[in-house]
Amino acid sequence: MKSTPYNPIVRITLVLSMALYLAALTQECYCTSMACGGHWNGLSIVALGAIGA
């Protein structure tokens, strides 16, 4: 069984989208009228989403 290599454009798109997602996890997630995000960055929101209802 021979596997075919990925198209270079598919590989570049995949790597770029993963890099952008990881960069987005470091940013503030939300703003209210009082303040923006505080210590809640994207990574903590994703982690809490796994246990939330």
C-alpha atoms as a PDB file:
ATOM      1  CA  MET A   1       0.000   0.000   0.000  1.00  0.00           C
ATOM      2  CA  LYS A   2       1.624   3.203  -1.184  1.00  0.00           C
ATOM      3  CA  SER A   3       0.750   6.491   0.479  1.00  0.00           C
ATOM      4  CA  THR A   4       0.565   9.626  -1.604  1.00  0.00           C
ATOM      5  CA  PRO A   5       2.383  12.749  -0.415  1.00  0.00           C
ATOM      6  CA  TYR A   6       0.347  15.772   0.550  1.00  0.00           C
ATOM      7  CA  ASN A   7      -0.024  18.584  -1.922  1.00  0.00           C
ATOM      8  CA  PRO A   8       2.334  21.429  -0.847  1.00  0.00           C
ATOM      9  CA  ILE A   9      -0.548  23.921  -0.747  1.00  0.00           C
ATOM     10  CA  VAL A  10      -2.516  21.644   1.585  1.00  0.00           C
ATOM     11  CA  ARG A  11       0.493  21.286   3.873  1.00  0.00           C
ATOM     12  CA  ILE A  12       1.151  25.059   3.935  1.00  0.00           C
ATOM     13  CA  THR A  13      -2.520  25.751   4.667  1.00  0.00           C
ATOM     14  CA  LEU A  14      -2.582  23.212   7.494  1.00  0.00           C
ATOM     15  CA  VAL A  15       0.589  24.534   9.127  1.00  0.00           C
ATOM     16  CA  LEU A  16      -0.529  28.158   8.766  1.00  0.00           C
ATOM     17  CA  SER A  17      -3.969  27.482  10.256  1.00  0.00           C
ATOM     18  CA  MET A  18      -2.457  25.593  13.198  1.00  0.00           C
ATOM     19  CA  ALA A  19       0.008  28.433  13.828  1.00  0.00           C
ATOM     20  CA  LEU A  20      -2.777  31.036  13.744  1.00  0.00           C
ATOM     21  CA  TYR A  21      -4.907  28.973  16.132  1.00  0.00           C
ATOM     22  CA  LEU A  22      -2.042  28.633  18.604  1.00  0.00           C
ATOM     23  CA  ALA A  23      -1.328  32.373  18.351  1.00  0.00           C
ATOM     24  CA  ALA A  24      -5.007  33.128  18.982  1.00  0.00           C
ATOM     25  CA  LEU A  25      -4.932  31.095  22.199  1.00  0.00           C
ATOM     26  CA  THR A  26      -2.562  33.649  23.724  1.00  0.00           C
ATOM     27  CA  GLN A  27      -4.909  36.603  23.145  1.00  0.00           C
ATOM     28  CA  GLU A  28      -7.650  38.070  25.340  1.00  0.00           C
ATOM     29  CA  CYS A  29     -10.971  36.434  24.547  1.00  0.00           C
ATOM     30  CA  TYR A  30     -13.623  38.959  25.385  1.00  0.00           C
ATOM     31  CA  CYS A  31     -14.269  42.516  26.479  1.00  0.00           C
ATOM     32  CA  THR A  32     -17.010  43.923  28.673  1.00  0.00           C
ATOM     33  CA  SER A  33     -17.823  47.534  29.409  1.00  0.00           C
ATOM     34  CA  MET A  34     -15.574  47.365  32.491  1.00  0.00           C
ATOM     35  CA  ALA A  35     -12.427  45.599  31.256  1.00  0.00           C
ATOM     36  CA  CYS A  36     -10.988  43.296  28.622  1.00  0.00           C
ATOM     37  CA  GLY A  37     -10.300  39.675  29.429  1.00  0.00           C
ATOM     38  CA  GLY A  38      -8.089  40.143  32.441  1.00  0.00           C
ATOM     39  CA  HIS A  39      -6.214  36.919  33.075  1.00  0.00           C
ATOM     40  CA  TRP A  40      -8.585  34.902  30.850  1.00  0.00           C
ATOM     41  CA  ASN A  41      -6.715  34.155  27.675  1.00  0.00           C
ATOM     42  CA  GLY A  42      -7.864  31.811  24.928  1.00  0.00           C
ATOM     43  CA  LEU A  43      -6.136  28.752  26.350  1.00  0.00           C
ATOM     44  CA  SER A  44      -7.964  28.996  29.672  1.00  0.00           C
ATOM     45  CA  ILE A  45     -11.312  29.473  27.910  1.00  0.00           C
ATOM     46  CA  VAL A  46     -10.700  26.381  25.756  1.00  0.00           C
ATOM     47  CA  ALA A  47      -9.720  24.378  28.846  1.00  0.00           C
ATOM     48  CA  LEU A  48     -12.844  25.483  30.740  1.00  0.00           C
ATOM     49  CA  GLY A  49     -15.019  24.714  27.729  1.00  0.00           C
ATOM     50  CA  ALA A  50     -14.134  21.041  28.047  1.00  0.00           C
ATOM     51  CA  ILE A  51     -15.697  20.856  31.523  1.00  0.00           C
ATOM     52  CA  GLY A  52     -18.541  23.315  30.971  1.00  0.00           C
ATOM     53  CA  ALA A  53     -22.108  22.439  30.179  1.00  0.00           C
END
